[in-house]
All heavy atoms as atom14 arrays in JSON, in Angstrom:
{
  "sequence": "GNKVVPESFTILEYIDETWKQNPLMPQDPYARAISRF",
  "atom14_mask": [
    [1, 1, 1, 1, 0, 0, 0, 0, 0, 0, 0, 0, 0, 0],
    [1, 1, 1, 1, 1, 1, 1, 1, 0, 0, 0, 0, 0, 0],
    [1, 1, 1, 1, 1, 1, 1, 1, 1, 0, 0, 0, 0, 0],
    [1, 1, 1, 1, 1, 1, 1, 0, 0, 0, 0, 0, 0, 0],
    [1, 1, 1, 1, 1, 1, 1, 0, 0, 0, 0, 0, 0, 0],
    [1, 1, 1, 1, 1, 1, 1, 0, 0, 0, 0, 0, 0, 0],
    [1, 1, 1, 1, 1, 1, 1, 1, 1, 0, 0, 0, 0, 0],
    [1, 1, 1, 1, 1, 1, 0, 0, 0, 0, 0, 0, 0, 0],
    [1, 1, 1, 1, 1, 1, 1, 1, 1, 1, 1, 0, 0, 0],
    [1, 1, 1, 1, 1, 1, 1, 0, 0, 0, 0, 0, 0, 0],
    [1, 1, 1, 1, 1, 1, 1, 1, 0, 0, 0, 0, 0, 0],
    [1, 1, 1, 1, 1, 1, 1, 1, 0, 0, 0, 0, 0, 0],
    [1, 1, 1, 1, 1, 1, 1, 1, 1, 0, 0, 0, 0, 0],
    [1, 1, 1, 1, 1, 1, 1, 1, 1, 1, 1, 1, 0, 0],
    [1, 1, 1, 1, 1, 1, 1, 1, 0, 0, 0, 0, 0, 0],
    [1, 1, 1, 1, 1, 1, 1, 1, 0, 0, 0, 0, 0, 0],
    [1, 1, 1, 1, 1, 1, 1, 1, 1, 0, 0, 0, 0, 0],
    [1, 1, 1, 1, 1, 1, 1, 0, 0, 0, 0, 0, 0, 0],
    [1, 1, 1, 1, 1, 1, 1, 1, 1, 1, 1, 1, 1, 1],
    [1, 1, 1, 1, 1, 1, 1, 1, 1, 0, 0, 0, 0, 0],
    [1, 1, 1, 1, 1, 1, 1, 1, 1, 0, 0, 0, 0, 0],
    [1, 1, 1, 1, 1, 1, 1, 1, 0, 0, 0, 0, 0, 0],
    [1, 1, 1, 1, 1, 1, 1, 0, 0, 0, 0, 0, 0, 0],
    [1, 1, 1, 1, 1, 1, 1, 1, 0, 0, 0, 0, 0, 0],
    [1, 1, 1, 1, 1, 1, 1, 1, 0, 0, 0, 0, 0, 0],
    [1, 1, 1, 1, 1, 1, 1, 0, 0, 0, 0, 0, 0, 0],
    [1, 1, 1, 1, 1, 1, 1, 1, 1, 0, 0, 0, 0, 0],
    [1, 1, 1, 1, 1, 1, 1, 1, 0, 0, 0, 0, 0, 0],
    [1, 1, 1, 1, 1, 1, 1, 0, 0, 0, 0, 0, 0, 0],
    [1, 1, 1, 1, 1, 1, 1, 1, 1, 1, 1, 1, 0, 0],
    [1, 1, 1, 1, 1, 0, 0, 0, 0, 0, 0, 0, 0, 0],
    [1, 1, 1, 1, 1, 1, 1, 1, 1, 1, 1, 0, 0, 0],
    [1, 1, 1, 1, 1, 0, 0, 0, 0, 0, 0, 0, 0, 0],
    [1, 1, 1, 1, 1, 1, 1, 1, 0, 0, 0, 0, 0, 0],
    [1, 1, 1, 1, 1, 1, 0, 0, 0, 0, 0, 0, 0, 0],
    [1, 1, 1, 1, 1, 1, 1, 1, 1, 1, 1, 0, 0, 0],
    [1, 1, 1, 1, 1, 1, 1, 1, 1, 1, 1, 0, 0, 0]
  ],
  "atom14_positions": [
    [[0.84, -1.19, 0.0], [0.0, 0.0, 0.0], [0.88, 1.24, 0.0], [1.7, 1.42, -0.89], [0.0, 0.0, 0.0], [0.0, 0.0, 0.0], [0.0, 0.0, 0.0], [0.0, 0.0, 0.0], [0.0, 0.0, 0.0], [0.0, 0.0, 0.0], [0.0, 0.0, 0.0], [0.0, 0.0, 0.0], [0.0, 0.0, 0.0], [0.0, 0.0, 0.0]],
    [[0.74, 2.06, 1.03], [1.58, 3.25, 1.15], [2.69, 3.07, 2.18], [3.36, 4.04, 2.55], [0.73, 4.48, 1.5], [0.0, 4.33, 2.83], [0.13, 3.3, 3.5], [-0.76, 5.33, 3.21], [0.0, 0.0, 0.0], [0.0, 0.0, 0.0], [0.0, 0.0, 0.0], [0.0, 0.0, 0.0], [0.0, 0.0, 0.0], [0.0, 0.0, 0.0]],
    [[2.9, 1.83, 2.63], [3.94, 1.55, 3.62], [5.18, 0.98, 2.92], [5.06, 0.1, 2.06], [3.43, 0.57, 4.69], [2.27, 1.13, 5.5], [1.8, 0.15, 6.54], [0.96, -0.97, 5.95], [-0.34, -0.49, 5.46], [0.0, 0.0, 0.0], [0.0, 0.0, 0.0], [0.0, 0.0, 0.0], [0.0, 0.0, 0.0], [0.0, 0.0, 0.0]],
    [[6.35, 1.47, 3.29], [7.62, 1.06, 2.69], [8.48, 0.4, 3.77], [8.73, 1.01, 4.83], [8.36, 2.26, 2.08], [9.7, 1.82, 1.49], [7.5, 2.93, 1.01], [0.0, 0.0, 0.0], [0.0, 0.0, 0.0], [0.0, 0.0, 0.0], [0.0, 0.0, 0.0], [0.0, 0.0, 0.0], [0.0, 0.0, 0.0], [0.0, 0.0, 0.0]],
    [[8.93, -0.83, 3.51], [9.72, -1.57, 4.49], [11.04, -1.98, 3.82], [11.03, -2.76, 2.86], [8.98, -2.82, 4.99], [9.76, -3.48, 6.14], [7.56, -2.48, 5.42], [0.0, 0.0, 0.0], [0.0, 0.0, 0.0], [0.0, 0.0, 0.0], [0.0, 0.0, 0.0], [0.0, 0.0, 0.0], [0.0, 0.0, 0.0], [0.0, 0.0, 0.0]],
    [[12.19, -1.5, 4.32], [13.49, -1.92, 3.79], [14.11, -3.03, 4.65], [13.6, -3.33, 5.73], [14.32, -0.64, 3.89], [13.79, 0.02, 5.13], [12.33, -0.37, 5.24], [0.0, 0.0, 0.0], [0.0, 0.0, 0.0], [0.0, 0.0, 0.0], [0.0, 0.0, 0.0], [0.0, 0.0, 0.0], [0.0, 0.0, 0.0], [0.0, 0.0, 0.0]],
    [[15.2, -3.61, 4.15], [16.01, -4.59, 4.86], [15.3, -5.94, 4.97], [14.2, -6.04, 5.51], [16.4, -4.11, 6.27], [17.17, -2.81, 6.29], [18.56, -2.93, 5.69], [19.15, -4.02, 5.78], [19.05, -1.94, 5.13], [0.0, 0.0, 0.0], [0.0, 0.0, 0.0], [0.0, 0.0, 0.0], [0.0, 0.0, 0.0], [0.0, 0.0, 0.0]],
    [[15.96, -6.98, 4.49], [15.29, -8.27, 4.33], [14.77, -8.87, 5.63], [13.65, -9.39, 5.67], [16.21, -9.27, 3.61], [17.37, -9.55, 4.37], [0.0, 0.0, 0.0], [0.0, 0.0, 0.0], [0.0, 0.0, 0.0], [0.0, 0.0, 0.0], [0.0, 0.0, 0.0], [0.0, 0.0, 0.0], [0.0, 0.0, 0.0], [0.0, 0.0, 0.0]],
    [[15.55, -8.82, 6.71], [15.07, -9.42, 7.96], [13.86, -8.65, 8.5], [12.91, -9.25, 9.02], [16.17, -9.45, 9.02], [17.22, -10.5, 8.78], [18.44, -10.45, 9.43], [17.01, -11.54, 7.89], [19.42, -11.42, 9.22], [17.97, -12.51, 7.67], [19.18, -12.45, 8.34], [0.0, 0.0, 0.0], [0.0, 0.0, 0.0], [0.0, 0.0, 0.0]],
    [[13.9, -7.33, 8.38], [12.76, -6.51, 8.81], [11.53, -6.83, 7.97], [10.41, -6.94, 8.49], [13.11, -5.01, 8.69], [14.3, -4.74, 9.4], [11.98, -4.15, 9.23], [0.0, 0.0, 0.0], [0.0, 0.0, 0.0], [0.0, 0.0, 0.0], [0.0, 0.0, 0.0], [0.0, 0.0, 0.0], [0.0, 0.0, 0.0], [0.0, 0.0, 0.0]],
    [[11.75, -7.02, 6.66], [10.64, -7.36, 5.76], [10.05, -8.71, 6.13], [8.82, -8.89, 6.16], [11.11, -7.35, 4.3], [11.53, -5.94, 3.87], [10.01, -7.86, 3.38], [12.23, -5.88, 2.52], [0.0, 0.0, 0.0], [0.0, 0.0, 0.0], [0.0, 0.0, 0.0], [0.0, 0.0, 0.0], [0.0, 0.0, 0.0], [0.0, 0.0, 0.0]],
    [[10.9, -9.7, 6.43], [10.4, -11.03, 6.8], [9.47, -10.94, 8.01], [8.4, -11.57, 8.03], [11.55, -11.98, 7.11], [12.45, -12.42, 5.96], [13.45, -13.47, 6.45], [11.66, -12.97, 4.79], [0.0, 0.0, 0.0], [0.0, 0.0, 0.0], [0.0, 0.0, 0.0], [0.0, 0.0, 0.0], [0.0, 0.0, 0.0], [0.0, 0.0, 0.0]],
    [[9.87, -10.19, 9.01], [9.03, -10.09, 10.21], [7.75, -9.31, 9.91], [6.67, -9.65, 10.43], [9.82, -9.46, 11.35], [10.97, -10.35, 11.82], [11.36, -10.12, 13.26], [10.45, -9.88, 14.09], [12.56, -10.2, 13.57], [0.0, 0.0, 0.0], [0.0, 0.0, 0.0], [0.0, 0.0, 0.0], [0.0, 0.0, 0.0], [0.0, 0.0, 0.0]],
    [[7.85, -8.29, 9.07], [6.65, -7.54, 8.7], [5.66, -8.45, 7.97], [4.46, -8.44, 8.26], [7.02, -6.35, 7.81], [5.8, -5.59, 7.31], [5.19, -4.65, 8.13], [5.25, -5.84, 6.05], [4.05, -3.96, 7.7], [4.12, -5.17, 5.62], [3.52, -4.23, 6.44], [2.4, -3.57, 6.01], [0.0, 0.0, 0.0], [0.0, 0.0, 0.0]],
    [[6.16, -9.24, 7.03], [5.31, -10.17, 6.3], [4.63, -11.15, 7.25], [3.43, -11.4, 7.17], [6.13, -10.93, 5.24], [6.53, -10.0, 4.1], [5.37, -12.13, 4.7], [7.54, -10.61, 3.13], [0.0, 0.0, 0.0], [0.0, 0.0, 0.0], [0.0, 0.0, 0.0], [0.0, 0.0, 0.0], [0.0, 0.0, 0.0], [0.0, 0.0, 0.0]],
    [[5.41, -11.67, 8.19], [4.87, -12.69, 9.1], [3.81, -12.11, 10.03], [2.83, -12.77, 10.37], [6.01, -13.3, 9.92], [5.66, -14.67, 10.47], [4.88, -15.39, 9.81], [6.19, -15.04, 11.53], [0.0, 0.0, 0.0], [0.0, 0.0, 0.0], [0.0, 0.0, 0.0], [0.0, 0.0, 0.0], [0.0, 0.0, 0.0], [0.0, 0.0, 0.0]],
    [[3.99, -10.85, 10.43], [3.04, -10.23, 11.35], [1.8, -9.68, 10.63], [0.74, -9.52, 11.24], [3.73, -9.12, 12.14], [4.78, -9.66, 13.1], [5.64, -8.57, 13.72], [5.34, -7.37, 13.49], [6.62, -8.91, 14.42], [0.0, 0.0, 0.0], [0.0, 0.0, 0.0], [0.0, 0.0, 0.0], [0.0, 0.0, 0.0], [0.0, 0.0, 0.0]],
    [[1.94, -9.41, 9.33], [0.83, -8.85, 8.57], [-0.09, -9.94, 8.02], [-1.31, -9.81, 8.05], [1.35, -7.98, 7.41], [2.19, -6.94, 7.94], [0.22, -7.33, 6.63], [0.0, 0.0, 0.0], [0.0, 0.0, 0.0], [0.0, 0.0, 0.0], [0.0, 0.0, 0.0], [0.0, 0.0, 0.0], [0.0, 0.0, 0.0], [0.0, 0.0, 0.0]],
    [[0.5, -11.01, 7.54], [-0.26, -12.14, 6.99], [-0.05, -13.33, 7.92], [1.06, -13.89, 8.01], [0.21, -12.46, 5.58], [-0.14, -11.39, 4.58], [-1.31, -11.25, 3.9], [0.7, -10.3, 4.15], [-1.25, -10.15, 3.06], [-0.03, -9.55, 3.21], [2.01, -9.89, 4.47], [0.49, -8.42, 2.58], [2.52, -8.76, 3.87], [1.76, -8.03, 2.93]],
    [[-1.1, -13.73, 8.6], [-0.97, -14.71, 9.68], [-0.89, -16.15, 9.19], [-0.46, -17.04, 9.93], [-2.15, -14.57, 10.65], [-2.27, -13.18, 11.28], [-1.03, -12.83, 12.09], [-1.21, -11.49, 12.8], [0.01, -11.1, 13.55], [0.0, 0.0, 0.0], [0.0, 0.0, 0.0], [0.0, 0.0, 0.0], [0.0, 0.0, 0.0], [0.0, 0.0, 0.0]],
    [[-1.3, -16.42, 7.94], [-1.28, -17.8, 7.44], [0.16, -18.29, 7.3], [1.08, -17.52, 7.05], [-2.01, -17.91, 6.09], [-1.34, -17.22, 4.91], [-1.72, -15.75, 4.75], [-2.14, -15.12, 5.7], [-1.58, -15.24, 3.53], [0.0, 0.0, 0.0], [0.0, 0.0, 0.0], [0.0, 0.0, 0.0], [0.0, 0.0, 0.0], [0.0, 0.0, 0.0]],
    [[0.34, -19.59, 7.47], [1.66, -20.22, 7.33], [2.74, -19.45, 8.11], [3.65, -18.89, 7.54], [2.07, -20.31, 5.85], [1.07, -21.08, 5.03], [0.48, -22.04, 5.49], [0.86, -20.64, 3.79], [0.0, 0.0, 0.0], [0.0, 0.0, 0.0], [0.0, 0.0, 0.0], [0.0, 0.0, 0.0], [0.0, 0.0, 0.0], [0.0, 0.0, 0.0]],
    [[2.63, -19.43, 9.45], [3.57, -18.63, 10.25], [5.03, -19.0, 9.98], [5.36, -20.19, 9.82], [3.19, -18.97, 11.69], [1.79, -19.47, 11.61], [1.67, -20.15, 10.28], [0.0, 0.0, 0.0], [0.0, 0.0, 0.0], [0.0, 0.0, 0.0], [0.0, 0.0, 0.0], [0.0, 0.0, 0.0], [0.0, 0.0, 0.0], [0.0, 0.0, 0.0]],
    [[5.87, -17.99, 9.95], [7.31, -18.2, 9.76], [8.03, -18.29, 11.1], [8.85, -19.17, 11.32], [7.91, -17.06, 8.92], [7.3, -16.81, 7.55], [7.97, -15.62, 6.89], [7.44, -18.05, 6.67], [0.0, 0.0, 0.0], [0.0, 0.0, 0.0], [0.0, 0.0, 0.0], [0.0, 0.0, 0.0], [0.0, 0.0, 0.0], [0.0, 0.0, 0.0]],
    [[7.72, -17.38, 11.98], [8.35, -17.34, 13.3], [7.69, -18.33, 14.26], [6.49, -18.56, 14.19], [8.24, -15.93, 13.89], [9.35, -15.0, 13.49], [10.9, -15.44, 14.32], [11.86, -13.96, 14.01], [0.0, 0.0, 0.0], [0.0, 0.0, 0.0], [0.0, 0.0, 0.0], [0.0, 0.0, 0.0], [0.0, 0.0, 0.0], [0.0, 0.0, 0.0]],
    [[8.47, -18.92, 15.16], [7.88, -19.75, 16.21], [6.96, -18.92, 17.1], [7.1, -17.7, 17.2], [9.09, -20.25, 17.01], [10.29, -19.89, 16.23], [9.93, -18.81, 15.29], [0.0, 0.0, 0.0], [0.0, 0.0, 0.0], [0.0, 0.0, 0.0], [0.0, 0.0, 0.0], [0.0, 0.0, 0.0], [0.0, 0.0, 0.0], [0.0, 0.0, 0.0]],
    [[6.0, -19.57, 17.73], [5.07, -18.87, 18.62], [5.71, -18.53, 19.96], [5.38, -17.52, 20.59], [3.82, -19.71, 18.83], [3.01, -19.94, 17.56], [2.59, -18.65, 16.9], [1.9, -17.83, 17.5], [3.01, -18.45, 15.65], [0.0, 0.0, 0.0], [0.0, 0.0, 0.0], [0.0, 0.0, 0.0], [0.0, 0.0, 0.0], [0.0, 0.0, 0.0]],
    [[6.64, -19.36, 20.39], [7.28, -19.17, 21.69], [8.25, -17.99, 21.64], [9.11, -17.93, 20.74], [8.04, -20.44, 22.09], [8.8, -20.27, 23.38], [8.15, -20.11, 24.43], [10.05, -20.26, 23.34], [0.0, 0.0, 0.0], [0.0, 0.0, 0.0], [0.0, 0.0, 0.0], [0.0, 0.0, 0.0], [0.0, 0.0, 0.0], [0.0, 0.0, 0.0]],
    [[8.17, -17.02, 22.57], [9.04, -15.85, 22.55], [10.53, -16.2, 22.6], [11.35, -15.55, 21.93], [8.62, -15.05, 23.79], [7.22, -15.49, 24.06], [7.16, -16.93, 23.64], [0.0, 0.0, 0.0], [0.0, 0.0, 0.0], [0.0, 0.0, 0.0], [0.0, 0.0, 0.0], [0.0, 0.0, 0.0], [0.0, 0.0, 0.0], [0.0, 0.0, 0.0]],
    [[10.89, -17.2, 23.39], [12.29, -17.59, 23.47], [12.77, -18.15, 22.14], [13.85, -17.81, 21.65], [12.49, -18.63, 24.58], [13.92, -19.17, 24.63], [14.95, -18.37, 25.09], [14.22, -20.46, 24.21], [16.26, -18.84, 25.13], [15.51, -20.95, 24.24], [16.53, -20.12, 24.7], [17.82, -20.6, 24.72], [0.0, 0.0, 0.0], [0.0, 0.0, 0.0]],
    [[11.96, -19.01, 21.53], [12.33, -19.58, 20.23], [12.46, -18.48, 19.17], [13.34, -18.54, 18.31], [11.31, -20.63, 19.8], [0.0, 0.0, 0.0], [0.0, 0.0, 0.0], [0.0, 0.0, 0.0], [0.0, 0.0, 0.0], [0.0, 0.0, 0.0], [0.0, 0.0, 0.0], [0.0, 0.0, 0.0], [0.0, 0.0, 0.0], [0.0, 0.0, 0.0]],
    [[11.6, -17.45, 19.24], [11.71, -16.34, 18.3], [13.02, -15.59, 18.51], [13.7, -15.22, 17.54], [10.53, -15.38, 18.45], [9.22, -15.91, 17.91], [8.23, -14.78, 17.65], [7.9, -14.01, 18.83], [6.93, -14.34, 19.68], [6.21, -15.44, 19.49], [6.68, -13.58, 20.73], [0.0, 0.0, 0.0], [0.0, 0.0, 0.0], [0.0, 0.0, 0.0]],
    [[13.36, -15.37, 19.78], [14.6, -14.66, 20.07], [15.81, -15.44, 19.58], [16.75, -14.87, 18.99], [14.72, -14.41, 21.58], [0.0, 0.0, 0.0], [0.0, 0.0, 0.0], [0.0, 0.0, 0.0], [0.0, 0.0, 0.0], [0.0, 0.0, 0.0], [0.0, 0.0, 0.0], [0.0, 0.0, 0.0], [0.0, 0.0, 0.0], [0.0, 0.0, 0.0]],
    [[15.82, -16.74, 19.78], [16.93, -17.58, 19.32], [17.01, -17.59, 17.79], [18.1, -17.58, 17.21], [16.8, -19.0, 19.9], [16.94, -18.97, 21.43], [17.83, -19.92, 19.29], [18.25, -18.41, 21.93], [0.0, 0.0, 0.0], [0.0, 0.0, 0.0], [0.0, 0.0, 0.0], [0.0, 0.0, 0.0], [0.0, 0.0, 0.0], [0.0, 0.0, 0.0]],
    [[15.85, -17.61, 17.14], [15.84, -17.56, 15.67], [16.49, -16.27, 15.17], [17.28, -16.29, 14.22], [14.4, -17.67, 15.15], [13.86, -18.94, 15.4], [0.0, 0.0, 0.0], [0.0, 0.0, 0.0], [0.0, 0.0, 0.0], [0.0, 0.0, 0.0], [0.0, 0.0, 0.0], [0.0, 0.0, 0.0], [0.0, 0.0, 0.0], [0.0, 0.0, 0.0]],
    [[16.15, -15.16, 15.8], [16.76, -13.88, 15.41], [18.26, -13.89, 15.64], [19.04, -13.38, 14.83], [16.11, -12.73, 16.18], [14.66, -12.46, 15.82], [14.16, -11.21, 16.51], [12.74, -11.0, 16.27], [11.77, -11.28, 17.14], [12.09, -11.79, 18.34], [10.51, -11.07, 16.84], [0.0, 0.0, 0.0], [0.0, 0.0, 0.0], [0.0, 0.0, 0.0]],
    [[18.66, -14.46, 16.77], [20.1, -14.53, 17.08], [20.85, -15.27, 15.98], [21.87, -14.79, 15.46], [20.34, -15.22, 18.42], [21.78, -15.59, 18.64], [22.7, -14.65, 19.06], [22.24, -16.88, 18.36], [24.04, -14.98, 19.22], [23.56, -17.23, 18.52], [24.47, -16.27, 18.95], [0.0, 0.0, 0.0], [0.0, 0.0, 0.0], [0.0, 0.0, 0.0]]
  ]
}
């Protein structure tokens, strides 16, 4: 739309949070943190 998102990792998280189907990130906060690490 009118939103611009740069940087691939930032884009991946934006996509995952905007479209909920087929989640990319784990649901567990610790697992998400480890994935980012």
